[in-house]
């Protein structure tokens, strides 16, 4: 089986089957979530994230976006999320 580069892991090589399993895992995480939080740094959303957003929409999940360029620290993200409620 041919190896491919998984876009989110900076060149870490995985097989096509492993990429498929990771995609399935992300969908299962969406299934058990109330909402998803998309960080679209500088407005960029990759193809796998687009699929996950569409899946979340199909499942009726709430979707929130962070688009301000700089990714905040975990503490700031939690504060920001609380302010959005």
N, C-alpha and C. Protein backbone atom coordinates (compact mmCIF):
# COMPACT_ATOMS: atom_id res chain seq x y z
N UNK A 1 0.85 -1.19 0.00
CA UNK A 1 0.00 0.00 0.00
C UNK A 1 0.88 1.24 0.00
N UNK A 2 0.50 2.21 -0.76
CA UNK A 2 1.27 3.44 -0.90
C UNK A 2 1.08 4.34 0.31
N UNK A 3 2.16 4.98 0.76
CA UNK A 3 2.07 5.94 1.85
C UNK A 3 1.66 7.30 1.31
N UNK A 4 0.90 8.04 2.12
CA UNK A 4 0.54 9.41 1.77
C UNK A 4 0.94 10.32 2.91
N UNK A 5 0.98 11.59 2.64
CA UNK A 5 1.33 12.55 3.68
C UNK A 5 0.04 13.10 4.27
N UNK A 6 -0.14 12.97 5.57
CA UNK A 6 -1.32 13.47 6.24
C UNK A 6 -1.12 14.94 6.52
N UNK A 7 -1.96 15.80 5.94
CA UNK A 7 -1.74 17.24 5.92
C UNK A 7 -1.56 17.90 7.28
N UNK A 8 -2.17 17.37 8.32
CA UNK A 8 -2.11 18.04 9.62
C UNK A 8 -0.92 17.62 10.46
N UNK A 9 -0.14 16.68 9.99
CA UNK A 9 0.96 16.19 10.82
C UNK A 9 2.33 16.50 10.22
N UNK A 10 2.40 17.53 9.42
CA UNK A 10 3.66 18.06 8.91
C UNK A 10 4.55 16.99 8.28
N UNK A 11 4.01 16.26 7.31
CA UNK A 11 4.81 15.32 6.56
C UNK A 11 4.93 13.94 7.16
N UNK A 12 4.27 13.66 8.26
CA UNK A 12 4.30 12.33 8.85
C UNK A 12 3.61 11.38 7.89
N UNK A 13 4.29 10.32 7.49
CA UNK A 13 3.76 9.41 6.48
C UNK A 13 2.83 8.37 7.10
N UNK A 14 1.63 8.23 6.53
CA UNK A 14 0.70 7.19 6.93
C UNK A 14 0.11 6.56 5.67
N UNK A 15 -0.46 5.39 5.84
CA UNK A 15 -1.05 4.72 4.69
C UNK A 15 -2.43 5.31 4.40
N UNK A 16 -2.94 4.99 3.24
CA UNK A 16 -4.28 5.44 2.86
C UNK A 16 -5.33 4.88 3.83
N UNK A 17 -5.15 3.64 4.25
CA UNK A 17 -6.07 3.01 5.21
C UNK A 17 -6.03 3.75 6.56
N UNK A 18 -4.84 4.12 7.00
CA UNK A 18 -4.71 4.86 8.26
C UNK A 18 -5.39 6.22 8.15
N UNK A 19 -5.26 6.89 7.01
CA UNK A 19 -5.93 8.18 6.80
C UNK A 19 -7.44 8.00 6.85
N UNK A 20 -7.93 6.92 6.26
CA UNK A 20 -9.37 6.63 6.30
C UNK A 20 -9.85 6.40 7.73
N UNK A 21 -9.07 5.64 8.51
CA UNK A 21 -9.44 5.37 9.90
C UNK A 21 -9.44 6.66 10.73
N UNK A 22 -8.47 7.54 10.49
CA UNK A 22 -8.44 8.83 11.20
C UNK A 22 -9.66 9.67 10.85
N UNK A 23 -10.05 9.67 9.58
CA UNK A 23 -11.24 10.40 9.16
C UNK A 23 -12.48 9.86 9.85
N UNK A 24 -12.59 8.53 9.92
CA UNK A 24 -13.72 7.91 10.61
C UNK A 24 -13.73 8.27 12.10
N UNK A 25 -12.56 8.30 12.71
CA UNK A 25 -12.45 8.67 14.11
C UNK A 25 -12.96 10.09 14.34
N UNK A 26 -12.61 11.00 13.45
CA UNK A 26 -13.07 12.39 13.58
C UNK A 26 -14.60 12.46 13.47
N UNK A 27 -15.18 11.67 12.56
CA UNK A 27 -16.65 11.65 12.45
C UNK A 27 -17.29 11.09 13.71
N UNK A 28 -16.70 10.08 14.32
CA UNK A 28 -17.25 9.52 15.56
C UNK A 28 -17.17 10.55 16.69
N UNK A 29 -16.08 11.32 16.72
CA UNK A 29 -15.96 12.38 17.73
C UNK A 29 -17.06 13.42 17.53
N UNK A 30 -17.37 13.74 16.29
CA UNK A 30 -18.46 14.68 16.02
C UNK A 30 -19.78 14.09 16.49
N UNK A 31 -19.98 12.78 16.25
CA UNK A 31 -21.21 12.11 16.68
C UNK A 31 -21.47 12.28 18.18
N UNK A 32 -20.42 12.23 18.99
CA UNK A 32 -20.60 12.29 20.45
C UNK A 32 -20.48 13.70 21.01
N UNK A 33 -20.30 14.68 20.12
CA UNK A 33 -20.15 16.07 20.55
C UNK A 33 -21.46 16.84 20.40
N UNK A 34 -21.58 17.90 21.19
CA UNK A 34 -22.72 18.81 21.05
C UNK A 34 -22.47 19.84 19.95
N UNK A 35 -21.20 20.17 19.76
CA UNK A 35 -20.84 21.18 18.76
C UNK A 35 -19.40 20.96 18.34
N UNK A 36 -19.02 21.62 17.24
CA UNK A 36 -17.62 21.62 16.84
C UNK A 36 -17.12 23.06 16.83
N UNK A 37 -15.84 23.21 17.06
CA UNK A 37 -15.19 24.52 17.10
C UNK A 37 -14.10 24.50 16.04
N UNK A 38 -14.28 25.28 14.98
CA UNK A 38 -13.36 25.30 13.85
C UNK A 38 -12.42 26.48 13.98
N UNK A 39 -11.13 26.20 13.96
CA UNK A 39 -10.13 27.26 13.95
C UNK A 39 -9.66 27.39 12.50
N UNK A 40 -10.11 28.45 11.84
CA UNK A 40 -9.74 28.66 10.44
C UNK A 40 -8.73 29.80 10.37
N UNK A 41 -7.53 29.47 10.75
CA UNK A 41 -6.45 30.46 10.84
C UNK A 41 -6.29 31.18 9.52
N UNK A 42 -6.41 32.48 9.59
CA UNK A 42 -6.30 33.36 8.41
C UNK A 42 -7.29 32.96 7.32
N UNK A 43 -8.44 32.42 7.73
CA UNK A 43 -9.49 32.08 6.78
C UNK A 43 -9.33 30.77 6.06
N UNK A 44 -8.27 30.01 6.35
CA UNK A 44 -8.03 28.75 5.64
C UNK A 44 -8.74 27.58 6.31
N UNK A 45 -9.48 26.82 5.51
CA UNK A 45 -10.09 25.58 5.97
C UNK A 45 -9.72 24.51 4.95
N UNK A 46 -9.04 23.46 5.40
CA UNK A 46 -8.60 22.38 4.51
C UNK A 46 -9.74 21.46 4.11
N UNK A 47 -9.46 20.58 3.17
CA UNK A 47 -10.49 19.69 2.63
C UNK A 47 -11.05 18.73 3.67
N UNK A 48 -10.21 18.19 4.55
CA UNK A 48 -10.73 17.26 5.57
C UNK A 48 -11.61 18.00 6.57
N UNK A 49 -11.24 19.22 6.92
CA UNK A 49 -12.06 20.01 7.84
C UNK A 49 -13.39 20.38 7.19
N UNK A 50 -13.36 20.69 5.89
CA UNK A 50 -14.61 20.98 5.18
C UNK A 50 -15.56 19.78 5.23
N UNK A 51 -15.01 18.57 5.04
CA UNK A 51 -15.84 17.35 5.14
C UNK A 51 -16.42 17.20 6.54
N UNK A 52 -15.62 17.49 7.55
CA UNK A 52 -16.08 17.38 8.93
C UNK A 52 -17.17 18.42 9.24
N UNK A 53 -17.04 19.62 8.70
CA UNK A 53 -18.06 20.66 8.88
C UNK A 53 -19.36 20.21 8.23
N UNK A 54 -19.29 19.67 7.02
CA UNK A 54 -20.49 19.19 6.32
C UNK A 54 -21.14 18.04 7.10
N UNK A 55 -20.31 17.15 7.63
CA UNK A 55 -20.83 16.04 8.42
C UNK A 55 -21.55 16.57 9.66
N UNK A 56 -20.94 17.54 10.33
CA UNK A 56 -21.54 18.12 11.53
C UNK A 56 -22.88 18.79 11.19
N UNK A 57 -22.94 19.48 10.06
CA UNK A 57 -24.19 20.11 9.62
C UNK A 57 -25.26 19.06 9.40
N UNK A 58 -24.90 17.96 8.72
CA UNK A 58 -25.85 16.87 8.46
C UNK A 58 -26.39 16.28 9.76
N UNK A 59 -25.56 16.27 10.80
CA UNK A 59 -25.95 15.69 12.09
C UNK A 59 -26.62 16.72 13.00
N UNK A 60 -26.79 17.95 12.51
CA UNK A 60 -27.46 18.98 13.30
C UNK A 60 -26.62 19.54 14.44
N UNK A 61 -25.30 19.44 14.34
CA UNK A 61 -24.42 19.93 15.41
C UNK A 61 -24.20 21.44 15.26
N UNK A 62 -24.05 22.11 16.39
CA UNK A 62 -23.70 23.53 16.37
C UNK A 62 -22.25 23.65 15.88
N UNK A 63 -21.97 24.70 15.12
CA UNK A 63 -20.63 24.92 14.60
C UNK A 63 -20.22 26.35 14.92
N UNK A 64 -19.06 26.48 15.58
CA UNK A 64 -18.51 27.80 15.87
C UNK A 64 -17.17 27.93 15.19
N UNK A 65 -16.83 29.16 14.83
CA UNK A 65 -15.59 29.43 14.11
C UNK A 65 -14.74 30.43 14.87
N UNK A 66 -13.44 30.28 14.75
CA UNK A 66 -12.49 31.28 15.22
C UNK A 66 -11.65 31.68 14.02
N UNK A 67 -11.68 32.95 13.66
CA UNK A 67 -11.06 33.40 12.41
C UNK A 67 -10.14 34.60 12.57
N UNK A 68 -9.60 34.85 13.73
CA UNK A 68 -8.85 36.08 13.96
C UNK A 68 -7.37 36.01 13.61
N UNK A 69 -6.90 34.95 13.01
CA UNK A 69 -5.49 34.86 12.63
C UNK A 69 -4.64 34.17 13.66
N UNK A 70 -4.37 34.80 14.77
CA UNK A 70 -3.57 34.20 15.82
C UNK A 70 -4.41 33.19 16.60
N UNK A 71 -3.85 32.02 16.82
CA UNK A 71 -4.56 31.00 17.60
C UNK A 71 -4.27 31.26 19.07
N UNK A 72 -5.32 31.48 19.87
CA UNK A 72 -5.11 31.80 21.29
C UNK A 72 -4.67 30.57 22.08
N UNK A 73 -4.14 30.82 23.26
CA UNK A 73 -3.78 29.71 24.14
C UNK A 73 -5.04 29.00 24.58
N UNK A 74 -4.89 27.82 25.16
CA UNK A 74 -6.04 27.04 25.61
C UNK A 74 -6.90 27.83 26.59
N UNK A 75 -6.29 28.52 27.52
CA UNK A 75 -7.05 29.32 28.49
C UNK A 75 -7.85 30.40 27.78
N UNK A 76 -7.23 31.10 26.86
CA UNK A 76 -7.95 32.14 26.13
C UNK A 76 -9.08 31.56 25.29
N UNK A 77 -8.88 30.36 24.71
CA UNK A 77 -9.93 29.74 23.92
C UNK A 77 -11.13 29.41 24.79
N UNK A 78 -10.88 28.92 26.01
CA UNK A 78 -11.97 28.60 26.92
C UNK A 78 -12.74 29.86 27.31
N UNK A 79 -12.03 30.95 27.58
CA UNK A 79 -12.66 32.22 27.91
C UNK A 79 -13.48 32.73 26.73
N UNK A 80 -12.89 32.65 25.53
CA UNK A 80 -13.57 33.12 24.33
C UNK A 80 -14.84 32.29 24.08
N UNK A 81 -14.74 30.98 24.27
CA UNK A 81 -15.90 30.10 24.08
C UNK A 81 -17.01 30.45 25.05
N UNK A 82 -16.64 30.74 26.30
CA UNK A 82 -17.64 31.09 27.32
C UNK A 82 -18.33 32.41 26.96
N UNK A 83 -17.58 33.35 26.37
CA UNK A 83 -18.16 34.63 25.98
C UNK A 83 -19.13 34.49 24.82
N UNK A 84 -18.96 33.46 23.99
CA UNK A 84 -19.82 33.25 22.83
C UNK A 84 -21.17 32.67 23.23
N UNK A 85 -21.25 32.05 24.40
CA UNK A 85 -22.51 31.43 24.85
C UNK A 85 -23.61 32.43 25.10
